[in-house]
PDB file of N, CA and C in Angstrom:
ATOM      1  N   MET A   1       9.290 -21.368  17.708  1.00  0.00           N
ATOM      2  CA  MET A   1       8.561 -20.141  17.340  1.00  0.00           C
ATOM      3  C   MET A   1       9.017 -19.381  16.299  1.00  0.00           C
ATOM      4  N   VAL A   2       7.783 -18.675  15.272  1.00  0.00           N
ATOM      5  CA  VAL A   2       8.229 -18.439  14.245  1.00  0.00           C
ATOM      6  C   VAL A   2       7.754 -16.682  14.551  1.00  0.00           C
ATOM      7  N   THR A   3       8.629 -15.686  13.706  1.00  0.00           N
ATOM      8  CA  THR A   3       7.826 -14.263  14.024  1.00  0.00           C
ATOM      9  C   THR A   3       8.462 -13.633  12.847  1.00  0.00           C
ATOM     10  N   ALA A   4       7.506 -12.798  12.287  1.00  0.00           N
ATOM     11  CA  ALA A   4       7.231 -12.006  11.026  1.00  0.00           C
ATOM     12  C   ALA A   4       8.063 -10.786  11.248  1.00  0.00           C
ATOM     13  N   ALA A   5       9.032 -10.477   9.980  1.00  0.00           N
ATOM     14  CA  ALA A   5       9.832  -9.401  10.282  1.00  0.00           C
ATOM     15  C   ALA A   5       9.444  -8.734   9.105  1.00  0.00           C
ATOM     16  N   LEU A   6       8.881  -7.410   9.196  1.00  0.00           N
ATOM     17  CA  LEU A   6       8.531  -6.809   8.130  1.00  0.00           C
ATOM     18  C   LEU A   6       9.627  -5.856   7.111  1.00  0.00           C
ATOM     19  N   LYS A   7       9.000  -6.543   5.800  1.00  0.00           N
ATOM     20  CA  LYS A   7       9.850  -6.220   5.042  1.00  0.00           C
ATOM     21  C   LYS A   7       9.569  -4.645   3.786  1.00  0.00           C
ATOM     22  N   SER A   8       8.427  -5.024   3.761  1.00  0.00           N
ATOM     23  CA  SER A   8       7.918  -3.610   2.923  1.00  0.00           C
ATOM     24  C   SER A   8       6.384  -3.424   3.147  1.00  0.00           C
ATOM     25  N   THR A   9       5.681  -2.373   2.736  1.00  0.00           N
ATOM     26  CA  THR A   9       4.417  -1.898   2.585  1.00  0.00           C
ATOM     27  C   THR A   9       4.407  -1.420   1.161  1.00  0.00           C
ATOM     28  N   LYS A  10       3.356  -1.468   0.193  1.00  0.00           N
ATOM     29  CA  LYS A  10       3.061  -0.570  -0.644  1.00  0.00           C
ATOM     30  C   LYS A  10       1.614  -0.579  -0.586  1.00  0.00           C
ATOM     31  N   VAL A  11       1.173   0.218  -2.094  1.00  0.00           N
ATOM     32  CA  VAL A  11      -0.530   0.525  -1.799  1.00  0.00           C
ATOM     33  C   VAL A  11      -0.645   0.179  -3.261  1.00  0.00           C
ATOM     34  N   VAL A  12      -1.889  -0.454  -3.267  1.00  0.00           N
ATOM     35  CA  VAL A  12      -2.361  -0.575  -4.715  1.00  0.00           C
ATOM     36  C   VAL A  12      -3.814   0.051  -5.087  1.00  0.00           C
ATOM     37  N   LEU A  13      -3.264   0.883  -5.875  1.00  0.00           N
ATOM     38  CA  LEU A  13      -4.648   1.559  -6.452  1.00  0.00           C
ATOM     39  C   LEU A  13      -5.643   1.236  -7.515  1.00  0.00           C
ATOM     40  N   LYS A  14      -6.613   0.622  -7.229  1.00  0.00           N
ATOM     41  CA  LYS A  14      -7.817   0.297  -8.359  1.00  0.00           C
ATOM     42  C   LYS A  14      -8.174   1.369  -9.283  1.00  0.00           C
ATOM     43  N   LEU A  15      -8.196   1.568 -10.036  1.00  0.00           N
ATOM     44  CA  LEU A  15      -8.610   2.568 -10.838  1.00  0.00           C
ATOM     45  C   LEU A  15      -9.797   2.624 -11.829  1.00  0.00           C
ATOM     46  N   ALA A  16     -10.298   3.642 -12.287  1.00  0.00           N
ATOM     47  CA  ALA A  16     -11.408   3.613 -12.930  1.00  0.00           C
ATOM     48  C   ALA A  16     -10.779   2.812 -14.418  1.00  0.00           C
ATOM     49  N   GLU A  17      -9.837   3.371 -14.737  1.00  0.00           N
ATOM     50  CA  GLU A  17      -8.867   2.517 -15.775  1.00  0.00           C
ATOM     51  C   GLU A  17      -7.754   1.886 -15.218  1.00  0.00           C
ATOM     52  N   GLY A  18      -7.741   0.554 -15.031  1.00  0.00           N
ATOM     53  CA  GLY A  18      -6.757   0.137 -14.766  1.00  0.00           C
ATOM     54  C   GLY A  18      -6.081   0.134 -13.097  1.00  0.00           C
ATOM     55  N   SER A  19      -4.857   0.075 -12.647  1.00  0.00           N
ATOM     56  CA  SER A  19      -4.262  -0.060 -11.364  1.00  0.00           C
ATOM     57  C   SER A  19      -3.159   0.872 -11.551  1.00  0.00           C
ATOM     58  N   GLN A  20      -2.521   1.082 -10.267  1.00  0.00           N
ATOM     59  CA  GLN A  20      -1.071   1.756 -10.013  1.00  0.00           C
ATOM     60  C   GLN A  20      -0.789   1.071  -8.716  1.00  0.00           C
ATOM     61  N   THR A  21       0.581   0.955  -8.474  1.00  0.00           N
ATOM     62  CA  THR A  21       1.195   0.573  -7.564  1.00  0.00           C
ATOM     63  C   THR A  21       2.485   1.340  -6.908  1.00  0.00           C
ATOM     64  N   ILE A  22       2.082   1.609  -5.418  1.00  0.00           N
ATOM     65  CA  ILE A  22       3.084   2.618  -4.918  1.00  0.00           C
ATOM     66  C   ILE A  22       3.607   1.860  -4.000  1.00  0.00           C
ATOM     67  N   SER A  23       5.071   1.277  -4.655  1.00  0.00           N
ATOM     68  CA  SER A  23       6.191   0.694  -3.826  1.00  0.00           C
ATOM     69  C   SER A  23       6.711   1.660  -3.033  1.00  0.00           C
ATOM     70  N   GLY A  24       7.463   1.262  -1.748  1.00  0.00           N
ATOM     71  CA  GLY A  24       8.175   2.074  -0.663  1.00  0.00           C
ATOM     72  C   GLY A  24       7.628   2.498   0.254  1.00  0.00           C
ATOM     73  N   CYS A  25       6.285   2.624   0.421  1.00  0.00           N
ATOM     74  CA  CYS A  25       5.802   3.325   1.415  1.00  0.00           C
ATOM     75  C   CYS A  25       6.497   3.084   2.746  1.00  0.00           C
ATOM     76  N   ASN A  26       6.335   4.081   3.645  1.00  0.00           N
ATOM     77  CA  ASN A  26       7.025   3.579   4.964  1.00  0.00           C
ATOM     78  C   ASN A  26       5.962   2.848   5.988  1.00  0.00           C
ATOM     79  N   THR A  27       6.544   1.997   6.317  1.00  0.00           N
ATOM     80  CA  THR A  27       6.301   0.977   7.168  1.00  0.00           C
ATOM     81  C   THR A  27       5.458   1.226   8.620  1.00  0.00           C
ATOM     82  N   VAL A  28       6.134   2.430   8.798  1.00  0.00           N
ATOM     83  CA  VAL A  28       5.223   2.434  10.098  1.00  0.00           C
ATOM     84  C   VAL A  28       3.548   3.697   9.944  1.00  0.00           C
ATOM     85  N   ALA A  29       3.527   3.870   8.678  1.00  0.00           N
ATOM     86  CA  ALA A  29       2.398   4.929   8.464  1.00  0.00           C
ATOM     87  C   ALA A  29       1.146   4.058   8.674  1.00  0.00           C
ATOM     88  N   THR A  30       0.646   5.019   8.827  1.00  0.00           N
ATOM     89  CA  THR A  30      -1.165   4.440   9.490  1.00  0.00           C
ATOM     90  C   THR A  30      -1.668   4.141   7.973  1.00  0.00           C
ATOM     91  N   ASP A  31      -2.735   3.196   8.662  1.00  0.00           N
ATOM     92  CA  ASP A  31      -3.889   3.256   7.213  1.00  0.00           C
ATOM     93  C   ASP A  31      -4.439   4.388   6.919  1.00  0.00           C
ATOM     94  N   GLU A  32      -4.388   5.449   7.728  1.00  0.00           N
ATOM     95  CA  GLU A  32      -4.871   6.588   7.282  1.00  0.00           C
ATOM     96  C   GLU A  32      -4.296   7.076   6.323  1.00  0.00           C
ATOM     97  N   ASN A  33      -2.740   7.330   6.651  1.00  0.00           N
ATOM     98  CA  ASN A  33      -2.097   8.037   5.813  1.00  0.00           C
ATOM     99  C   ASN A  33      -1.849   6.942   4.458  1.00  0.00           C
ATOM    100  N   LEU A  34      -1.908   5.731   4.260  1.00  0.00           N
ATOM    101  CA  LEU A  34      -1.651   5.091   3.327  1.00  0.00           C
ATOM    102  C   LEU A  34      -2.929   5.491   2.284  1.00  0.00           C
ATOM    103  N   PHE A  35      -4.388   5.902   2.555  1.00  0.00           N
ATOM    104  CA  PHE A  35      -5.357   5.827   2.247  1.00  0.00           C
ATOM    105  C   PHE A  35      -5.430   7.638   1.702  1.00  0.00           C
ATOM    106  N   ALA A  36      -4.956   8.305   2.546  1.00  0.00           N
ATOM    107  CA  ALA A  36      -4.576   9.428   1.803  1.00  0.00           C
ATOM    108  C   ALA A  36      -3.377   9.970   0.598  1.00  0.00           C
ATOM    109  N   LEU A  37      -2.535   9.277   0.522  1.00  0.00           N
ATOM    110  CA  LEU A  37      -1.698   8.531  -0.265  1.00  0.00           C
ATOM    111  C   LEU A  37      -2.214   8.327  -1.372  1.00  0.00           C
ATOM    112  N   GLY A  38      -3.164   7.110  -1.129  1.00  0.00           N
ATOM    113  CA  GLY A  38      -3.761   6.850  -2.593  1.00  0.00           C
ATOM    114  C   GLY A  38      -5.130   7.793  -3.363  1.00  0.00           C
ATOM    115  N   GLN A  39      -5.483   8.795  -2.324  1.00  0.00           N
ATOM    116  CA  GLN A  39      -6.376   9.827  -2.883  1.00  0.00           C
ATOM    117  C   GLN A  39      -6.042  10.689  -3.729  1.00  0.00           C
ATOM    118  N   ALA A  40      -4.431  10.923  -3.109  1.00  0.00           N
ATOM    119  CA  ALA A  40      -4.014  12.269  -3.373  1.00  0.00           C
ATOM    120  C   ALA A  40      -3.243  11.897  -5.180  1.00  0.00           C
ATOM    121  N   VAL A  41      -2.769  10.642  -5.071  1.00  0.00           N
ATOM    122  CA  VAL A  41      -2.172   9.849  -6.493  1.00  0.00           C
ATOM    123  C   VAL A  41      -3.522  10.064  -7.335  1.00  0.00           C
ATOM    124  N   SER A  42      -4.831   9.743  -6.815  1.00  0.00           N
ATOM    125  CA  SER A  42      -5.581   9.749  -7.800  1.00  0.00           C
ATOM    126  C   SER A  42      -6.154  10.802  -7.918  1.00  0.00           C
ATOM    127  N   LYS A  43      -5.912  11.488  -7.603  1.00  0.00           N
ATOM    128  CA  LYS A  43      -6.095  13.240  -8.022  1.00  0.00           C
ATOM    129  C   LYS A  43      -5.525  13.705  -8.996  1.00  0.00           C
ATOM    130  N   LEU A  44      -3.776  13.159  -8.945  1.00  0.00           N
ATOM    131  CA  LEU A  44      -2.807  13.480  -9.940  1.00  0.00           C
ATOM    132  C   LEU A  44      -3.031  12.531 -11.208  1.00  0.00           C
ATOM    133  N   GLU A  45      -3.560  11.457 -11.276  1.00  0.00           N
ATOM    134  CA  GLU A  45      -3.816  10.844 -12.363  1.00  0.00           C
ATOM    135  C   GLU A  45      -5.045  11.321 -12.948  1.00  0.00           C
ATOM    136  N   ALA A  46      -6.108  11.808 -12.341  1.00  0.00           N
ATOM    137  CA  ALA A  46      -7.393  12.549 -12.744  1.00  0.00           C
ATOM    138  C   ALA A  46      -8.602  11.534 -12.830  1.00  0.00           C
ATOM    139  N   GLN A  47      -8.536  10.221 -12.206  1.00  0.00           N
ATOM    140  CA  GLN A  47      -9.386   9.152 -12.127  1.00  0.00           C
ATOM    141  C   GLN A  47      -9.930   9.257 -10.846  1.00  0.00           C
ATOM    142  N   ASP A  48     -11.197   8.001 -10.727  1.00  0.00           N
ATOM    143  CA  ASP A  48     -11.757   7.928  -9.349  1.00  0.00           C
ATOM    144  C   ASP A  48     -11.129   6.624  -9.328  1.00  0.00           C
ATOM    145  N   VAL A  49     -11.006   7.007  -7.980  1.00  0.00           N
ATOM    146  CA  VAL A  49     -10.189   5.276  -6.940  1.00  0.00           C
ATOM    147  C   VAL A  49     -11.198   4.536  -6.511  1.00  0.00           C
ATOM    148  N   GLU A  50     -11.881   3.282  -7.341  1.00  0.00           N
ATOM    149  CA  GLU A  50     -12.259   2.079  -6.783  1.00  0.00           C
ATOM    150  C   GLU A  50     -12.219   1.319  -5.845  1.00  0.00           C
ATOM    151  N   ALA A  51     -10.670   1.570  -5.375  1.00  0.00           N
ATOM    152  CA  ALA A  51     -10.287   0.776  -4.015  1.00  0.00           C
ATOM    153  C   ALA A  51      -8.632   1.021  -4.069  1.00  0.00           C
ATOM    154  N   VAL A  52      -8.477   0.878  -2.928  1.00  0.00           N
ATOM    155  CA  VAL A  52      -7.012   0.857  -2.081  1.00  0.00           C
ATOM    156  C   VAL A  52      -6.942   0.187  -1.167  1.00  0.00           C
ATOM    157  N   THR A  53      -6.009  -0.545  -1.741  1.00  0.00           N
ATOM    158  CA  THR A  53      -5.562  -2.263  -1.138  1.00  0.00           C
ATOM    159  C   THR A  53      -3.986  -1.880  -0.503  1.00  0.00           C
ATOM    160  N   LYS A  54      -3.912  -1.901   0.802  1.00  0.00           N
ATOM    161  CA  LYS A  54      -2.523  -2.506   1.243  1.00  0.00           C
ATOM    162  C   LYS A  54      -1.991  -3.397   1.246  1.00  0.00           C
ATOM    163  N   VAL A  55      -0.417  -3.791   0.515  1.00  0.00           N
ATOM    164  CA  VAL A  55       0.123  -4.970   1.045  1.00  0.00           C
ATOM    165  C   VAL A  55       1.378  -4.580   1.745  1.00  0.00           C
ATOM    166  N   VAL A  56       1.283  -5.659   2.710  1.00  0.00           N
ATOM    167  CA  VAL A  56       2.428  -5.703   3.739  1.00  0.00           C
ATOM    168  C   VAL A  56       2.954  -6.967   3.575  1.00  0.00           C
ATOM    169  N   GLU A  57       4.616  -7.225   3.203  1.00  0.00           N
ATOM    170  CA  GLU A  57       5.191  -8.353   2.539  1.00  0.00           C
ATOM    171  C   GLU A  57       5.864  -8.397   4.105  1.00  0.00           C
ATOM    172  N   SER A  58       6.363  -9.503   4.327  1.00  0.00           N
ATOM    173  CA  SER A  58       7.434 -10.141   5.759  1.00  0.00           C
ATOM    174  C   SER A  58       8.066 -11.043   5.708  1.00  0.00           C
ATOM    175  N   THR A  59       9.473 -11.451   6.286  1.00  0.00           N
ATOM    176  CA  THR A  59      10.058 -12.435   6.091  1.00  0.00           C
ATOM    177  C   THR A  59       9.531 -13.530   7.408  1.00  0.00           C
ATOM    178  N   LEU A  60       9.403 -14.872   7.371  1.00  0.00           N
ATOM    179  CA  LEU A  60       9.159 -15.476   8.279  1.00  0.00           C
ATOM    180  C   LEU A  60      10.303 -15.964   8.982  1.00  0.00           C
ATOM    181  N   ILE A  61      10.881 -16.363  10.079  1.00  0.00           N
ATOM    182  CA  ILE A  61      11.846 -16.200  10.675  1.00  0.00           C
ATOM    183  C   ILE A  61      11.476 -17.340  12.060  1.00  0.00           C
ATOM    184  N   GLN A  62      12.309 -18.648  12.044  1.00  0.00           N
ATOM    185  CA  GLN A  62      11.956 -19.319  12.953  1.00  0.00           C
ATOM    186  C   GLN A  62      13.116 -19.030  13.882  1.00  0.00           C
ATOM    187  N   GLU A  63      12.876 -18.873  15.246  1.00  0.00           N
ATOM    188  CA  GLU A  63      13.574 -18.740  16.331  1.00  0.00           C
ATOM    189  C   GLU A  63      13.696 -19.916  17.196  1.00  0.00           C
TER     190      GLU A  63
END
């Protein structure tokens, strides 16, 4: 049997001019929380967000 151990969560923002990655997000944050984070950062960047992508990294462990 193989299980997945969650390692990290990050958010990638596709902005009007490029992209930005926010690493080290809380692994228990909800999708709504991560989306709100992306919206807040886009306001700081003064750019429109075209897409918000959640990236979850896990380690597969054989038991």
